[in-house]
């Protein structure tokens, strides 16, 4: 019985997150990707492709987070647990807080936009693109001042 208790205790221990170091060149590359995703999201929204616009907006937010965390902390989250990136953003100062607020609202849309059969309402897609554009603006500003 002691062994079973020990095993169940092991299951309760969370896996350590995956963190990757980020160079200045990578910061600039993540910022460029964030801008490209955000611009494509805006274009798809204008064309009425709400699912694609939302999905692209999410990826713009994620790349913006990688930009800010890379520039301010020298690292980024690389695991599948998006709570890790949100936690890193909270450590990345005012720019991190700015992106974290929008990314926190974008991430819950990921499953619906990318895996569910349901459509995305135009108002939801528009809000996602608005958030992505804000994130990409922060990412560009941060990348321009990085090392």
N, C-alpha and C. Protein backbone atom coordinates (compact mmCIF):
# COMPACT_ATOMS: atom_id res chain seq x y z
N UNK A 1 0.82 -1.18 0.00
CA UNK A 1 0.00 0.00 0.00
C UNK A 1 0.87 1.26 0.00
N UNK A 2 1.99 1.24 0.72
CA UNK A 2 2.90 2.37 0.72
C UNK A 2 3.39 2.67 -0.68
N UNK A 3 3.59 1.62 -1.50
CA UNK A 3 4.06 1.79 -2.86
C UNK A 3 3.01 2.49 -3.72
N UNK A 4 1.75 2.10 -3.56
CA UNK A 4 0.69 2.73 -4.34
C UNK A 4 0.58 4.21 -3.98
N UNK A 5 0.73 4.50 -2.70
CA UNK A 5 0.66 5.88 -2.26
C UNK A 5 1.80 6.70 -2.87
N UNK A 6 2.98 6.08 -2.95
CA UNK A 6 4.11 6.76 -3.53
C UNK A 6 3.88 7.02 -5.03
N UNK A 7 3.33 6.02 -5.72
CA UNK A 7 3.06 6.18 -7.15
C UNK A 7 2.04 7.28 -7.39
N UNK A 8 0.98 7.31 -6.60
CA UNK A 8 -0.02 8.34 -6.83
C UNK A 8 0.56 9.71 -6.51
N UNK A 9 1.50 9.78 -5.58
CA UNK A 9 2.18 11.04 -5.29
C UNK A 9 3.00 11.51 -6.46
N UNK A 10 3.61 10.58 -7.18
CA UNK A 10 4.41 10.94 -8.35
C UNK A 10 3.54 11.51 -9.46
N UNK A 11 2.35 10.99 -9.61
CA UNK A 11 1.46 11.47 -10.66
C UNK A 11 1.04 12.91 -10.40
N UNK A 12 1.02 13.30 -9.15
CA UNK A 12 0.57 14.64 -8.80
C UNK A 12 1.64 15.70 -9.02
N UNK A 13 2.89 15.28 -9.20
CA UNK A 13 3.99 16.23 -9.39
C UNK A 13 3.93 16.77 -10.82
N UNK A 14 3.84 18.09 -10.98
CA UNK A 14 3.77 18.64 -12.33
C UNK A 14 5.09 18.47 -13.07
N UNK A 15 4.99 18.29 -14.36
CA UNK A 15 6.19 18.19 -15.21
C UNK A 15 6.86 19.55 -15.28
N UNK A 16 8.19 19.56 -15.29
CA UNK A 16 8.86 20.86 -15.44
C UNK A 16 8.60 21.40 -16.85
N UNK A 17 8.52 22.71 -16.97
CA UNK A 17 8.26 23.33 -18.26
C UNK A 17 9.47 23.29 -19.16
N UNK A 18 9.24 23.54 -20.41
CA UNK A 18 10.32 23.60 -21.38
C UNK A 18 10.60 25.06 -21.67
N UNK A 19 11.81 25.45 -21.43
CA UNK A 19 12.25 26.83 -21.66
C UNK A 19 13.42 26.80 -22.63
N UNK A 20 13.44 27.73 -23.57
CA UNK A 20 14.52 27.84 -24.54
C UNK A 20 15.15 29.23 -24.43
N UNK A 21 16.47 29.29 -24.58
CA UNK A 21 17.13 30.59 -24.60
C UNK A 21 16.84 31.25 -25.95
N UNK A 22 16.90 32.57 -25.95
CA UNK A 22 16.57 33.34 -27.15
C UNK A 22 17.67 34.37 -27.39
N UNK A 23 18.18 34.39 -28.60
CA UNK A 23 19.21 35.37 -28.99
C UNK A 23 18.54 36.65 -29.51
N UNK A 24 19.33 37.70 -29.67
CA UNK A 24 18.81 38.96 -30.21
C UNK A 24 18.28 38.76 -31.63
N UNK A 25 18.96 37.94 -32.42
CA UNK A 25 18.49 37.67 -33.78
C UNK A 25 17.14 36.96 -33.76
N UNK A 26 16.98 36.05 -32.82
CA UNK A 26 15.71 35.35 -32.70
C UNK A 26 14.60 36.29 -32.24
N UNK A 27 14.92 37.23 -31.37
CA UNK A 27 13.93 38.23 -30.94
C UNK A 27 13.40 38.96 -32.18
N UNK A 28 14.28 39.40 -33.05
CA UNK A 28 13.86 40.10 -34.26
C UNK A 28 13.03 39.20 -35.17
N UNK A 29 13.42 37.93 -35.27
CA UNK A 29 12.67 36.99 -36.11
C UNK A 29 11.26 36.74 -35.55
N UNK A 30 11.15 36.59 -34.23
CA UNK A 30 9.82 36.40 -33.63
C UNK A 30 8.96 37.64 -33.85
N UNK A 31 9.55 38.82 -33.76
CA UNK A 31 8.78 40.06 -33.99
C UNK A 31 8.28 40.11 -35.43
N UNK A 32 9.13 39.72 -36.38
CA UNK A 32 8.72 39.72 -37.78
C UNK A 32 7.59 38.72 -38.01
N UNK A 33 7.69 37.56 -37.39
CA UNK A 33 6.61 36.57 -37.51
C UNK A 33 5.32 37.09 -36.90
N UNK A 34 5.42 37.74 -35.75
CA UNK A 34 4.24 38.30 -35.10
C UNK A 34 3.55 39.29 -36.02
N UNK A 35 4.33 40.16 -36.63
CA UNK A 35 3.76 41.15 -37.55
C UNK A 35 3.13 40.49 -38.77
N UNK A 36 3.80 39.49 -39.31
CA UNK A 36 3.27 38.80 -40.49
C UNK A 36 1.95 38.09 -40.16
N UNK A 37 1.91 37.40 -39.04
CA UNK A 37 0.67 36.74 -38.63
C UNK A 37 -0.44 37.75 -38.39
N UNK A 38 -0.12 38.86 -37.72
CA UNK A 38 -1.13 39.89 -37.43
C UNK A 38 -1.65 40.52 -38.72
N UNK A 39 -0.75 40.83 -39.65
CA UNK A 39 -1.18 41.41 -40.92
C UNK A 39 -2.05 40.43 -41.72
N UNK A 40 -1.65 39.16 -41.72
CA UNK A 40 -2.45 38.14 -42.42
C UNK A 40 -3.82 37.96 -41.75
N UNK A 41 -3.84 38.04 -40.42
CA UNK A 41 -5.11 37.94 -39.69
C UNK A 41 -6.04 39.08 -40.09
N UNK A 42 -5.50 40.30 -40.17
CA UNK A 42 -6.31 41.45 -40.55
C UNK A 42 -6.84 41.29 -41.98
N UNK A 43 -6.01 40.79 -42.86
CA UNK A 43 -6.41 40.56 -44.25
C UNK A 43 -7.52 39.51 -44.34
N UNK A 44 -7.35 38.41 -43.60
CA UNK A 44 -8.38 37.36 -43.62
C UNK A 44 -9.68 37.84 -42.99
N UNK A 45 -9.58 38.66 -41.96
CA UNK A 45 -10.79 39.22 -41.35
C UNK A 45 -11.54 40.06 -42.38
N UNK A 46 -10.81 40.91 -43.09
CA UNK A 46 -11.42 41.76 -44.11
C UNK A 46 -12.10 40.93 -45.20
N UNK A 47 -11.54 39.75 -45.49
CA UNK A 47 -12.10 38.86 -46.51
C UNK A 47 -13.21 37.97 -45.97
N UNK A 48 -13.52 38.10 -44.68
CA UNK A 48 -14.60 37.30 -44.10
C UNK A 48 -14.19 35.90 -43.69
N UNK A 49 -12.90 35.65 -43.63
CA UNK A 49 -12.40 34.32 -43.22
C UNK A 49 -12.10 34.37 -41.72
N UNK A 50 -13.15 34.25 -40.94
CA UNK A 50 -13.06 34.46 -39.50
C UNK A 50 -12.26 33.39 -38.76
N UNK A 51 -12.35 32.16 -39.21
CA UNK A 51 -11.59 31.08 -38.56
C UNK A 51 -10.09 31.30 -38.78
N UNK A 52 -9.71 31.54 -40.02
CA UNK A 52 -8.30 31.77 -40.34
C UNK A 52 -7.79 33.03 -39.63
N UNK A 53 -8.61 34.08 -39.63
CA UNK A 53 -8.20 35.32 -38.98
C UNK A 53 -7.94 35.10 -37.50
N UNK A 54 -8.79 34.34 -36.86
CA UNK A 54 -8.64 34.09 -35.42
C UNK A 54 -7.41 33.24 -35.15
N UNK A 55 -7.22 32.20 -35.94
CA UNK A 55 -6.06 31.33 -35.77
C UNK A 55 -4.76 32.12 -35.97
N UNK A 56 -4.70 32.91 -37.00
CA UNK A 56 -3.52 33.73 -37.25
C UNK A 56 -3.29 34.75 -36.14
N UNK A 57 -4.38 35.29 -35.61
CA UNK A 57 -4.27 36.25 -34.50
C UNK A 57 -3.63 35.59 -33.28
N UNK A 58 -4.02 34.37 -33.01
CA UNK A 58 -3.45 33.63 -31.87
C UNK A 58 -1.95 33.44 -32.07
N UNK A 59 -1.55 33.07 -33.27
CA UNK A 59 -0.13 32.86 -33.55
C UNK A 59 0.65 34.17 -33.50
N UNK A 60 0.02 35.26 -33.87
CA UNK A 60 0.65 36.58 -33.72
C UNK A 60 0.90 36.86 -32.25
N UNK A 61 -0.07 36.54 -31.41
CA UNK A 61 0.08 36.76 -29.97
C UNK A 61 1.18 35.91 -29.37
N UNK A 62 1.25 34.66 -29.78
CA UNK A 62 2.28 33.75 -29.26
C UNK A 62 3.67 34.23 -29.68
N UNK A 63 3.83 34.61 -30.94
CA UNK A 63 5.14 35.11 -31.40
C UNK A 63 5.49 36.44 -30.74
N UNK A 64 4.49 37.25 -30.45
CA UNK A 64 4.74 38.49 -29.71
C UNK A 64 5.25 38.18 -28.31
N UNK A 65 4.66 37.18 -27.68
CA UNK A 65 5.11 36.77 -26.35
C UNK A 65 6.55 36.28 -26.41
N UNK A 66 6.89 35.50 -27.43
CA UNK A 66 8.26 35.01 -27.57
C UNK A 66 9.23 36.18 -27.77
N UNK A 67 8.80 37.20 -28.50
CA UNK A 67 9.62 38.39 -28.71
C UNK A 67 9.90 39.08 -27.38
N UNK A 68 8.84 39.37 -26.64
CA UNK A 68 8.98 40.12 -25.39
C UNK A 68 9.78 39.33 -24.36
N UNK A 69 9.43 38.05 -24.19
CA UNK A 69 10.16 37.24 -23.22
C UNK A 69 11.63 37.08 -23.63
N UNK A 70 11.86 36.89 -24.92
CA UNK A 70 13.24 36.76 -25.40
C UNK A 70 14.05 38.02 -25.16
N UNK A 71 13.44 39.17 -25.43
CA UNK A 71 14.16 40.44 -25.27
C UNK A 71 14.36 40.79 -23.80
N UNK A 72 13.35 40.59 -22.99
CA UNK A 72 13.40 41.03 -21.60
C UNK A 72 13.99 40.01 -20.63
N UNK A 73 13.84 38.71 -20.98
CA UNK A 73 14.29 37.65 -20.07
C UNK A 73 15.37 36.75 -20.66
N UNK A 74 15.56 36.83 -21.99
CA UNK A 74 16.54 35.97 -22.65
C UNK A 74 16.07 34.54 -22.83
N UNK A 75 14.77 34.33 -22.67
CA UNK A 75 14.21 32.98 -22.81
C UNK A 75 12.75 33.06 -23.20
N UNK A 76 12.23 31.91 -23.66
CA UNK A 76 10.82 31.80 -24.02
C UNK A 76 10.29 30.44 -23.59
N UNK A 77 9.00 30.35 -23.44
CA UNK A 77 8.37 29.07 -23.12
C UNK A 77 8.27 28.26 -24.41
N UNK A 78 8.58 26.97 -24.33
CA UNK A 78 8.54 26.12 -25.52
C UNK A 78 7.67 24.89 -25.32
N UNK A 79 6.95 24.83 -24.21
CA UNK A 79 6.09 23.68 -23.95
C UNK A 79 4.70 23.90 -24.48
N UNK A 80 3.86 22.89 -24.31
CA UNK A 80 2.48 22.97 -24.78
C UNK A 80 1.57 23.65 -23.77
N UNK A 81 2.04 23.87 -22.57
CA UNK A 81 1.24 24.50 -21.52
C UNK A 81 1.35 26.02 -21.66
N UNK A 82 0.30 26.63 -22.11
CA UNK A 82 0.33 28.08 -22.35
C UNK A 82 0.39 28.89 -21.06
N UNK A 83 0.12 28.26 -19.93
CA UNK A 83 0.26 28.98 -18.65
C UNK A 83 1.72 29.37 -18.43
N UNK A 84 2.65 28.58 -18.98
CA UNK A 84 4.08 28.89 -18.84
C UNK A 84 4.42 30.22 -19.50
N UNK A 85 3.91 30.44 -20.70
CA UNK A 85 4.22 31.69 -21.40
C UNK A 85 3.57 32.86 -20.67
N UNK A 86 2.39 32.67 -20.13
CA UNK A 86 1.73 33.75 -19.39
C UNK A 86 2.53 34.09 -18.13
N UNK A 87 3.06 33.08 -17.47
CA UNK A 87 3.88 33.31 -16.27
C UNK A 87 5.17 34.06 -16.64
N UNK A 88 5.80 33.69 -17.74
CA UNK A 88 7.01 34.39 -18.17
C UNK A 88 6.69 35.85 -18.52
N UNK A 89 5.58 36.06 -19.19
CA UNK A 89 5.21 37.43 -19.54
C UNK A 89 5.04 38.30 -18.30
N UNK A 90 4.52 37.72 -17.24
CA UNK A 90 4.35 38.48 -15.98
C UNK A 90 5.70 38.89 -15.39
N UNK A 91 6.76 38.18 -15.76
CA UNK A 91 8.11 38.51 -15.28
C UNK A 91 8.82 39.51 -16.20
N UNK A 92 8.23 39.81 -17.34
CA UNK A 92 8.91 40.58 -18.39
C UNK A 92 8.59 42.08 -18.35
N UNK A 93 8.16 42.59 -17.23
CA UNK A 93 7.94 44.02 -17.08
C UNK A 93 6.67 44.51 -17.74
N UNK A 94 6.58 45.82 -17.94
CA UNK A 94 5.36 46.42 -18.51
C UNK A 94 5.01 45.90 -19.90
N UNK A 95 6.02 45.66 -20.75
CA UNK A 95 5.73 45.12 -22.08
C UNK A 95 5.14 43.72 -21.98
N UNK A 96 5.67 42.94 -21.06
CA UNK A 96 5.14 41.59 -20.85
C UNK A 96 3.71 41.64 -20.36
N UNK A 97 3.41 42.56 -19.45
CA UNK A 97 2.04 42.69 -18.92
C UNK A 97 1.08 43.09 -20.03
N UNK A 98 1.56 43.95 -20.91
CA UNK A 98 0.71 44.41 -22.01
C UNK A 98 0.34 43.26 -22.94
N UNK A 99 1.31 42.44 -23.31
CA UNK A 99 1.04 41.30 -24.18
C UNK A 99 0.26 40.22 -23.44
N UNK A 100 0.59 40.02 -22.17
CA UNK A 100 -0.08 38.98 -21.38
C UNK A 100 -1.59 39.19 -21.33
N UNK A 101 -2.03 40.41 -21.17
CA UNK A 101 -3.47 40.69 -21.10
C UNK A 101 -4.19 40.27 -22.37
N UNK A 102 -3.61 40.59 -23.52
CA UNK A 102 -4.24 40.21 -24.79
C UNK A 102 -4.09 38.72 -25.07
N UNK A 103 -2.91 38.16 -24.81
CA UNK A 103 -2.69 36.74 -25.08
C UNK A 103 -3.59 35.87 -24.21
N UNK A 104 -3.81 36.29 -22.98
CA UNK A 104 -4.70 35.55 -22.08
C UNK A 104 -6.11 35.42 -22.68
N UNK A 105 -6.52 36.41 -23.45
CA UNK A 105 -7.84 36.37 -24.09
C UNK A 105 -7.82 35.64 -25.44
N UNK A 106 -6.66 35.59 -26.07
CA UNK A 106 -6.54 34.90 -27.35
C UNK A 106 -6.45 33.38 -27.19
N UNK A 107 -5.68 32.93 -26.22
CA UNK A 107 -5.40 31.49 -26.10
C UNK A 107 -6.64 30.61 -25.97
N UNK A 108 -7.68 31.02 -25.24
CA UNK A 108 -8.86 30.16 -25.15
C UNK A 108 -9.57 29.94 -26.50
N UNK A 109 -9.28 30.76 -27.48
CA UNK A 109 -9.89 30.61 -28.80
C UNK A 109 -9.17 29.58 -29.67
N UNK A 110 -7.98 29.16 -29.25
CA UNK A 110 -7.14 28.29 -30.07
C UNK A 110 -7.83 26.98 -30.44
N UNK A 111 -8.36 26.29 -29.47
CA UNK A 111 -9.01 25.00 -29.74
C UNK A 111 -10.22 25.18 -30.66
N UNK A 112 -11.03 26.18 -30.38
CA UNK A 112 -12.22 26.40 -31.21
C UNK A 112 -11.84 26.75 -32.64
N UNK A 113 -10.86 27.63 -32.81
CA UNK A 113 -10.48 28.07 -34.16
C UNK A 113 -9.78 26.97 -34.94
N UNK A 114 -8.99 26.17 -34.26
CA UNK A 114 -8.15 25.22 -34.99
C UNK A 114 -8.65 23.78 -35.02
N UNK A 115 -9.51 23.41 -34.08
CA UNK A 115 -9.88 21.99 -34.00
C UNK A 115 -11.38 21.72 -33.97
N UNK A 116 -12.17 22.68 -33.58
CA UNK A 116 -13.62 22.47 -33.48
C UNK A 116 -14.29 22.74 -34.83
N UNK A 117 -15.43 22.09 -35.10
CA UNK A 117 -16.11 22.32 -36.38
C UNK A 117 -16.90 23.63 -36.43
N UNK A 118 -17.10 24.26 -35.30
CA UNK A 118 -17.92 25.47 -35.24
C UNK A 118 -17.24 26.66 -35.91
N UNK A 119 -18.07 27.57 -36.38
CA UNK A 119 -17.57 28.81 -36.98
C UNK A 119 -17.17 29.77 -35.87
N UNK A 120 -16.48 30.82 -36.23
CA UNK A 120 -16.10 31.89 -35.31
C UNK A 120 -16.93 33.11 -35.70
N UNK A 121 -17.61 33.70 -34.74
CA UNK A 121 -18.42 34.88 -35.02
C UNK A 121 -17.54 36.03 -35.50
N UNK A 122 -18.04 36.83 -36.43
CA UNK A 122 -17.26 37.97 -36.92
C UNK A 122 -16.79 38.89 -35.79
N UNK A 123 -17.61 39.11 -34.79
CA UNK A 123 -17.21 40.00 -33.68
C UNK A 123 -16.07 39.40 -32.86
N UNK A 124 -16.07 38.09 -32.70
CA UNK A 124 -15.00 37.41 -31.97
C UNK A 124 -13.71 37.49 -32.78
N UNK A 125 -13.79 37.24 -34.07
CA UNK A 125 -12.61 37.33 -34.93
C UNK A 125 -12.06 38.75 -34.95
N UNK A 126 -12.94 39.73 -35.01
CA UNK A 126 -12.49 41.13 -35.04
C UNK A 126 -11.75 41.49 -33.76
N UNK A 127 -12.26 41.04 -32.63
CA UNK A 127 -11.62 41.32 -31.34
C UNK A 127 -10.26 40.60 -31.28
N UNK A 128 -10.19 39.37 -31.78
CA UNK A 128 -8.94 38.62 -31.78
C UNK A 128 -7.89 39.34 -32.63
N UNK A 129 -8.29 39.84 -33.78
CA UNK A 129 -7.35 40.54 -34.66
C UNK A 129 -6.90 41.84 -34.00
N UNK A 130 -7.80 42.55 -33.37
CA UNK A 130 -7.45 43.78 -32.65
C UNK A 130 -6.38 43.49 -31.59
N UNK A 131 -6.58 42.41 -30.85
CA UNK A 131 -5.60 42.03 -29.81
C UNK A 131 -4.26 41.65 -30.44
N UNK A 132 -4.32 40.91 -31.54
CA UNK A 132 -3.09 40.49 -32.22
C UNK A 132 -2.29 41.69 -32.73
N UNK A 133 -2.98 42.66 -33.28
CA UNK A 133 -2.30 43.86 -33.78
C UNK A 133 -1.64 44.62 -32.64
N UNK A 134 -2.31 44.69 -31.48
CA UNK A 134 -1.69 45.34 -30.32
C UNK A 134 -0.45 44.58 -29.87
N UNK A 135 -0.55 43.26 -29.82
CA UNK A 135 0.60 42.44 -29.41
C UNK A 135 1.76 42.64 -30.38
N UNK A 136 1.49 42.62 -31.67
CA UNK A 136 2.55 42.77 -32.67
C UNK A 136 3.19 44.15 -32.58
N UNK A 137 2.42 45.16 -32.23
CA UNK A 137 2.97 46.51 -32.06
C UNK A 137 3.96 46.53 -30.90
N UNK A 138 3.60 45.87 -29.80
CA UNK A 138 4.51 45.79 -28.65
C UNK A 138 5.75 45.01 -29.05
N UNK A 139 5.56 43.90 -29.76
CA UNK A 139 6.69 43.07 -30.17
C UNK A 139 7.67 43.87 -31.03
N UNK A 140 7.16 44.65 -31.96
CA UNK A 140 8.04 45.45 -32.83
C UNK A 140 8.79 46.49 -32.00
N UNK A 141 8.07 47.16 -31.10
CA UNK A 141 8.72 48.18 -30.27
C UNK A 141 9.84 47.56 -29.43
N UNK A 142 9.57 46.40 -28.85
CA UNK A 142 10.55 45.72 -28.02
C UNK A 142 11.74 45.25 -28.86
N UNK A 143 11.46 44.67 -30.02
CA UNK A 143 12.54 44.17 -30.89
C UNK A 143 13.42 45.32 -31.36
N UNK A 144 12.83 46.46 -31.61
CA UNK A 144 13.61 47.60 -32.09
C UNK A 144 14.56 48.15 -31.01
N UNK A 145 14.26 47.88 -29.75
CA UNK A 145 15.11 48.38 -28.66
C UNK A 145 15.96 47.27 -28.04
N UNK A 146 15.83 46.05 -28.57
CA UNK A 146 16.58 44.91 -28.01
C UNK A 146 18.05 45.01 -28.43
N UNK A 147 18.89 44.51 -27.56
CA UNK A 147 20.34 44.43 -27.76
C UNK A 147 20.74 44.81 -29.12
